[in-house]
Protein backbone atom coordinates (compact mmCIF):
# COMPACT_ATOMS: atom_id res chain seq x y z
CA MET A 1 -0.20 0.07 -0.26
CA LEU A 2 1.30 3.19 -1.06
CA PHE A 3 0.59 6.20 1.51
CA THR A 4 1.06 9.74 -0.30
CA SER A 5 1.70 13.16 1.75
CA SER A 6 -2.07 14.22 1.37
CA PHE A 7 -3.27 11.26 3.33
CA PRO A 8 -6.14 11.37 4.84
CA ASP A 9 -7.26 13.46 2.63
CA THR A 10 -7.00 11.75 -0.43
CA LEU A 11 -7.03 7.75 -0.08
CA PRO A 12 -4.21 5.34 -0.14
CA LEU A 13 -2.98 3.45 -2.92
CA VAL A 14 -2.42 -0.35 -3.94
CA ALA A 15 0.47 -0.97 -5.89
CA ILE A 16 1.07 -4.56 -7.48
CA ARG A 17 4.75 -5.98 -7.75
CA ASP A 18 4.52 -6.88 -11.51
CA PRO A 19 4.30 -3.86 -13.44
CA SER A 20 4.24 -6.18 -16.94
CA LEU A 21 0.38 -6.42 -16.10
CA HIS A 22 -0.06 -2.88 -17.62
CA LEU A 23 -2.91 -3.15 -20.15
CA VAL A 24 -3.32 -6.79 -19.80
CA TRP A 25 -4.98 -6.38 -16.44
CA PRO A 26 -7.38 -3.16 -16.53
CA HIS A 27 -6.87 0.11 -14.40
CA VAL A 28 -3.67 -1.19 -13.56
CA GLU A 29 -1.16 1.62 -14.49
CA SER A 30 2.46 1.52 -16.04
CA ASP A 31 3.89 1.32 -12.75
CA GLY A 32 1.88 -1.18 -11.58
CA VAL A 33 -0.27 0.78 -9.50
CA ILE A 34 -3.92 0.01 -9.39
CA CYS A 35 -6.78 2.69 -10.34
CA LEU A 36 -9.38 0.86 -8.15
CA PRO A 37 -13.03 1.29 -10.62
CA SER A 38 -15.02 2.22 -6.97
CA SER A 39 -12.20 4.46 -5.59
CA GLY A 40 -14.03 6.56 -2.85
CA ASN A 41 -16.40 4.32 -1.62
CA SER A 42 -13.94 3.31 1.67
CA CYS A 43 -13.29 7.17 2.28
CA ASN A 44 -14.02 7.55 6.31
CA GLY A 45 -11.53 10.35 7.60
CA SER A 46 -13.38 9.57 11.53
CA ASP A 47 -11.13 5.81 10.87
CA LEU A 48 -7.72 5.99 9.11
CA LEU A 49 -6.97 2.71 9.49
CA LYS A 50 -10.93 1.40 8.25
CA GLN A 51 -10.38 3.45 5.11
CA ALA A 52 -6.65 2.34 4.26
CA ALA A 53 -8.11 -1.53 5.34
CA GLY A 54 -11.22 -0.94 2.98
CA VAL A 55 -9.04 0.01 -0.02
CA PHE A 56 -7.15 -3.02 0.38
CA ARG A 57 -10.31 -5.19 0.43
CA GLU A 58 -11.38 -3.19 -3.16
CA ALA A 59 -8.10 -3.79 -4.36
CA LEU A 60 -8.68 -7.78 -3.07
CA SER A 61 -11.95 -7.81 -5.05
CA PHE A 62 -10.69 -6.39 -8.17
CA LEU A 63 -8.11 -9.17 -8.25
CA VAL A 64 -10.13 -11.67 -7.85
CA ASN A 65 -12.52 -9.91 -10.59
CA VAL A 66 -9.87 -10.02 -13.09
CA ALA A 67 -9.79 -13.78 -13.43
CA SER A 68 -12.54 -13.88 -15.20
CA ASP A 69 -12.72 -13.12 -18.86
CA ALA A 70 -16.26 -11.29 -19.21
CA TRP A 71 -15.62 -9.39 -16.16
CA ARG A 72 -12.41 -8.12 -18.26
CA ASN A 73 -13.48 -7.15 -21.17
CA SER A 74 -16.05 -5.31 -19.59
CA GLU A 75 -13.72 -3.47 -17.96
CA PHE A 76 -11.37 -2.58 -21.12
CA GLN A 77 -14.67 -1.86 -23.89
CA LYS A 78 -15.53 0.43 -20.80
CA GLU A 79 -12.25 2.22 -20.67
CA PHE A 80 -12.02 2.48 -24.85
CA ASP A 81 -11.02 6.08 -25.43
CA ALA A 82 -7.86 5.63 -22.45
CA TYR A 83 -6.14 2.60 -24.02
CA TRP A 84 -6.77 3.75 -27.54
CA GLY A 85 -4.82 7.10 -26.53
CA ASN A 86 -2.32 4.76 -24.41
CA ARG A 87 -1.30 3.63 -27.58
CA VAL A 88 -0.14 7.51 -29.64
CA GLN A 89 2.63 8.61 -30.08
CA GLN A 90 3.62 12.33 -29.52
CA ARG A 91 4.61 12.99 -33.42
CA GLU A 92 1.43 11.34 -34.40
CA PRO A 93 -0.91 13.60 -36.71
CA SER A 94 -4.01 15.35 -34.20
CA ILE A 95 -7.38 15.21 -35.10
CA ARG A 96 -10.23 17.55 -34.58
CA ALA A 97 -13.46 15.81 -35.75
CA LEU A 98 -17.08 17.73 -35.86
CA ILE A 99 -18.68 14.61 -36.39
CA SER A 100 -22.27 13.18 -35.44
CA PRO A 101 -22.43 9.09 -34.65
CA ALA A 102 -22.98 7.42 -37.51
CA THR A 103 -25.65 4.87 -38.05
CA ARG A 104 -22.90 2.90 -39.90
CA SER A 105 -20.05 2.75 -41.82
CA CYS A 106 -19.16 5.60 -43.91
CA LEU A 107 -16.98 8.11 -45.59
CA ARG A 108 -16.42 11.56 -44.12
CA PRO A 109 -15.00 14.91 -45.87
CA CYS A 110 -11.26 15.89 -43.97
CA VAL A 111 -8.42 17.93 -44.62
CA SER A 112 -4.92 18.31 -43.52
CA ILE A 113 -3.19 21.64 -42.64
CA GLY A 114 0.25 20.83 -41.30
CA ARG A 115 -0.04 18.35 -38.53
CA LYS A 116 -3.65 18.55 -38.19
CA ILE A 117 -5.91 16.67 -39.58
CA TYR A 118 -9.83 18.13 -39.63
CA VAL A 119 -12.94 15.80 -39.38
CA GLY A 120 -16.33 16.67 -40.53
CA ASP A 121 -20.02 15.70 -41.64
CA THR A 122 -20.05 17.62 -44.80
CA ASP A 123 -17.93 19.57 -46.85
CA ALA A 124 -19.92 23.23 -46.19
CA GLY A 125 -19.64 22.20 -42.83
CA LEU A 126 -16.15 20.92 -42.35
CA ARG A 127 -14.97 23.97 -44.29
CA ASP A 128 -16.68 26.29 -41.75
CA PHE A 129 -15.38 24.23 -38.66
CA VAL A 130 -12.03 24.29 -40.13
CA GLN A 131 -12.57 28.40 -40.20
CA ARG A 132 -12.99 28.67 -36.97
CA MET A 133 -10.53 26.46 -35.29
CA THR A 134 -7.50 28.17 -37.39
CA GLY A 135 -8.84 31.51 -38.50
CA LYS A 136 -8.01 31.69 -41.83
CA SER A 137 -10.03 30.87 -45.16
CA VAL A 138 -9.99 27.58 -45.89
CA GLN A 139 -12.23 27.44 -49.32
CA LYS A 140 -9.58 26.18 -51.85
CA VAL A 141 -7.95 23.53 -49.39
CA ALA A 142 -8.60 20.39 -51.00
CA ILE A 143 -10.76 17.90 -49.01
CA THR A 144 -10.33 14.20 -48.98
CA GLN A 145 -12.48 11.41 -47.51
CA ALA A 146 -11.90 9.51 -44.31
CA LEU A 147 -13.10 5.93 -43.59
CA LEU A 148 -15.54 5.77 -40.58
CA ILE A 149 -15.59 2.97 -39.15
CA LYS A 150 -19.22 2.00 -36.94
CA LEU A 151 -18.00 -1.25 -34.61
CA PRO A 152 -20.60 -3.21 -32.77
CA LYS A 153 -18.46 -2.51 -29.66
CA ALA A 154 -15.57 -1.25 -28.07
CA LEU A 155 -12.53 -3.34 -29.01
CA ILE A 156 -10.45 -4.58 -25.84
CA PRO A 157 -6.30 -4.15 -26.62
CA ALA A 158 -5.89 -7.57 -27.84
CA GLU A 159 -8.33 -6.74 -30.70
CA MET A 160 -6.85 -3.39 -31.59
CA PRO A 161 -4.98 -3.68 -35.21
CA CYS A 162 -1.26 -3.21 -35.10
CA THR A 163 -0.36 -3.48 -38.80
CA ALA A 164 -2.61 -2.23 -41.91
CA LYS A 165 -3.21 -5.85 -42.95
CA GLU A 166 -5.35 -6.03 -39.44
CA ALA A 167 -6.82 -2.90 -40.41
CA ALA A 168 -8.24 -4.27 -43.72
CA ASP A 169 -9.52 -6.74 -41.35
CA LEU A 170 -11.91 -4.86 -39.93
CA ILE A 171 -12.79 -2.56 -42.66
CA SER A 172 -13.74 -6.20 -44.02
CA LEU A 173 -15.85 -7.36 -41.45
CA TYR A 174 -17.55 -3.63 -40.68
CA ALA A 175 -17.08 -1.55 -44.21
CA LYS A 176 -17.52 -4.17 -46.66
CA ASP A 177 -19.69 -2.15 -48.99
CA LEU A 178 -17.22 0.78 -49.33
CA ILE A 179 -13.92 -1.17 -50.47
CA PRO A 180 -14.71 -0.60 -54.08
CA ARG A 181 -14.77 3.58 -52.99
CA LEU A 182 -11.34 3.06 -51.26
CA ASP A 183 -9.84 1.70 -54.15
CA THR A 184 -10.21 4.53 -55.91
CA HIS A 185 -8.18 6.60 -52.90
CA ILE A 186 -5.42 4.06 -52.96
CA LYS A 187 -4.91 4.65 -56.88
CA GLY A 188 -4.30 8.31 -56.03
CA ASN A 189 -1.63 7.26 -53.47
CA LYS A 190 -2.73 8.94 -50.66
CA ASP A 191 -2.86 8.08 -47.14
CA LEU A 192 -5.83 6.99 -45.41
CA LEU A 193 -7.29 7.90 -42.42
CA LEU A 194 -9.81 6.07 -40.54
CA VAL A 195 -12.02 6.99 -37.80
CA VAL A 196 -13.38 3.96 -35.45
CA GLN A 197 -16.70 4.79 -33.76
CA ALA A 198 -17.31 2.38 -30.74
CA PRO A 199 -20.29 2.12 -28.47
CA GLN A 200 -19.85 3.39 -24.49
CA ARG A 201 -22.69 3.20 -22.20
CA ASP A 202 -24.01 6.94 -22.97
CA SER A 203 -22.56 7.34 -25.79
CA VAL A 204 -20.00 6.87 -28.40
CA ALA A 205 -16.04 7.10 -28.08
CA TYR A 206 -14.08 7.71 -31.25
CA GLY A 207 -10.14 6.70 -32.21
CA GLY A 208 -8.02 7.80 -35.63
CA LEU A 209 -5.37 5.14 -37.44
CA TRP A 210 -3.42 7.01 -39.87
CA ILE A 211 -2.06 4.29 -42.74
CA PRO A 212 0.44 6.24 -44.78
CA ASN A 213 0.60 5.09 -48.50
CA CYS A 214 4.25 4.54 -48.51
CA ALA A 215 5.91 2.53 -45.67
CA SER A 216 8.23 4.57 -45.46
CA PRO A 217 9.34 8.63 -46.18
CA THR A 218 11.69 7.69 -48.47
CA SER A 219 9.70 5.78 -50.91
CA ARG A 220 7.68 8.77 -51.56
CA ARG A 221 9.90 9.84 -54.63
CA PRO A 222 8.04 9.80 -57.69
CA SER A 223 8.33 7.04 -59.47
CA ARG A 224 7.11 5.59 -62.20
CA GLN A 225 6.26 2.51 -60.62
CA ARG A 226 4.32 1.30 -57.46
CA LEU A 227 4.33 -2.15 -58.21
CA LYS A 228 7.25 -3.89 -59.76
CA GLY A 229 5.88 -5.40 -63.31
CA PHE A 230 3.34 -2.13 -63.73
CA ARG A 231 3.10 1.03 -65.06
CA LEU A 232 2.30 3.53 -62.64
CA GLY A 233 -1.63 3.69 -62.73
CA ARG A 234 -1.91 0.36 -64.42
CA GLU A 235 -1.52 -2.01 -61.47
CA PRO A 236 -3.93 -4.47 -60.79
CA SER A 237 -6.82 -3.24 -57.64
CA ASN A 238 -5.90 -6.83 -55.73
CA LEU A 239 -2.63 -6.59 -55.77
CA LEU A 240 -2.72 -2.13 -54.58
CA TRP A 241 -4.80 -2.88 -52.40
CA ARG A 242 -2.55 -6.32 -50.96
CA ASN A 243 0.91 -3.34 -51.11
CA PHE A 244 -1.11 -0.99 -49.02
CA PHE A 245 -2.64 -2.78 -46.58
CA SER A 246 0.69 -4.50 -45.95
CA SER A 247 1.19 -6.61 -42.78
CA SER A 248 4.66 -5.46 -42.90
CA LYS A 249 3.58 -1.65 -42.63
CA ARG A 250 2.22 -0.39 -38.97
CA LEU A 251 -0.60 1.54 -38.12
CA GLN A 252 -0.16 5.04 -36.11
CA TYR A 253 -2.74 5.94 -33.25
CA CYS A 254 -4.10 8.91 -33.27
CA ARG A 255 -5.84 10.78 -30.34
CA ILE A 256 -9.10 13.11 -31.74
CA ALA A 257 -10.30 16.26 -30.12
CA ARG A 258 -14.44 16.54 -30.42
CA PHE A 259 -16.08 19.49 -30.94
CA ASP A 260 -19.11 18.18 -31.14
CA ASP A 261 -22.30 19.04 -29.07
CA LEU A 262 -22.54 15.68 -27.07
CA THR A 263 -19.37 16.24 -26.31
CA VAL A 264 -19.03 20.09 -25.44
CA CYS A 265 -22.28 19.49 -23.55
CA SER A 266 -21.96 15.85 -22.09
CA ARG A 267 -22.12 17.59 -18.28
CA VAL A 268 -25.19 19.11 -18.39
CA ASP A 269 -27.64 15.71 -20.36
CA HIS A 270 -27.41 12.84 -22.80
CA GLN A 271 -29.84 14.16 -24.80
CA SER A 272 -27.61 17.23 -25.50
CA SER A 273 -27.15 15.86 -29.53
CA GLU A 274 -30.56 17.82 -29.47
CA LEU A 275 -29.04 20.93 -28.51
CA ASP A 276 -28.27 23.24 -31.10
CA LEU A 277 -24.53 25.36 -29.81
CA ALA A 278 -25.86 28.16 -32.16
CA ASP A 279 -29.14 29.04 -30.49
CA ARG A 280 -27.00 28.85 -27.20
CA HIS A 281 -25.93 32.05 -25.24
CA VAL A 282 -23.30 31.41 -22.17
CA ALA A 283 -21.80 33.78 -19.43
CA LEU A 284 -18.17 32.79 -18.66
CA ILE A 285 -16.74 34.30 -15.38
CA GLY A 286 -13.20 35.12 -15.80
CA CYS A 287 -10.91 34.70 -18.51
CA GLY A 288 -7.97 33.54 -16.86
CA SER A 289 -5.83 30.27 -18.05
CA VAL A 290 -8.98 28.07 -17.44
CA GLY A 291 -11.70 30.62 -18.57
CA SER A 292 -9.87 31.70 -21.59
CA TYR A 293 -8.93 28.27 -22.84
CA ILE A 294 -12.86 27.18 -22.18
CA ALA A 295 -13.99 30.40 -24.27
CA THR A 296 -11.67 29.28 -27.11
CA MET A 297 -13.15 25.71 -27.15
CA LEU A 298 -16.79 27.08 -26.48
CA ALA A 299 -16.49 29.47 -29.86
CA GLN A 300 -14.59 27.17 -31.63
CA SER A 301 -17.32 24.54 -30.95
CA GLY A 302 -19.77 26.80 -32.59
CA LEU A 303 -21.34 28.37 -29.84
CA GLY A 304 -24.20 31.47 -31.05
CA HIS A 305 -23.59 33.99 -28.39
CA LEU A 306 -20.95 34.28 -25.72
CA THR A 307 -20.32 37.15 -22.99
CA LEU A 308 -16.64 37.10 -21.19
CA VAL A 309 -16.54 38.90 -17.77
CA ASP A 310 -13.54 39.66 -16.18
CA PRO A 311 -11.87 42.70 -13.64
CA GLU A 312 -8.63 42.56 -15.30
CA PRO A 313 -8.15 45.07 -18.11
CA LEU A 314 -7.26 44.16 -21.59
CA ALA A 315 -3.15 44.32 -22.07
CA SER A 316 -0.71 42.12 -23.90
CA GLU A 317 0.69 40.58 -20.70
CA ASN A 318 -2.37 39.10 -20.00
CA LEU A 319 -4.21 38.05 -23.44
């Protein structure tokens, strides 16, 4: 058991001695510390011994439950977004999305600007979203397509794809009817963004998979051939598909920052998808380090009217 300097105001922690169980057992951090799902149930400020014993009892119960495959998989699925994000590297593209949950797998418009990728529901909506996020007119920016794959249930870590071939298996299972349209995309010698949509208890979670067209940056040089023995533009579709979704090509996991009504209003009620932010008015008291970030997010999310209140005079040092 680990007691921090803030005990008893914060609960003690429980660590297991084998850190290799990180991402094998739910709620085990990389340092072996268990983050109990029911943390707080044992809080008893008047009796520190009972409080510590309660946390230890919860940890033992947790270890017993983990022996059940059904319980473990259920916990992993609840934490889909966290375990997906654990695979994201700092160098991967940043994705910002203003999309509504899909009822089936589909193609969604997207644009790349620098290291940022923007995804929307429609071309017009995407251009408006990008203009709000960047502050620049983007009418002439080329729009490409991202593939949104709707999963029937959230993946557990063992099911998360690692290679382009495993991503192709997901496409074959849940977006088979879109394969002919993907063929056209692949023939265009373009990278591909997959947006994975997984159900959660009250909403949906999204994860991004970036598949580069070429296995390495050096192979991006202009060439008369992509496949040995075939001229550029004359390659058979099945060989192009096999080359693009190669088992040797590693996937790049990406985090998706969402700016849709459901996410922005999720703390209000779970029916917030019916709300239209354009008709809402928010008064924000305090525009410091936290308030300014909230104001920016609200404005970029399409809030109709925003009133900012702060007693400090506007000056260069407090912008």
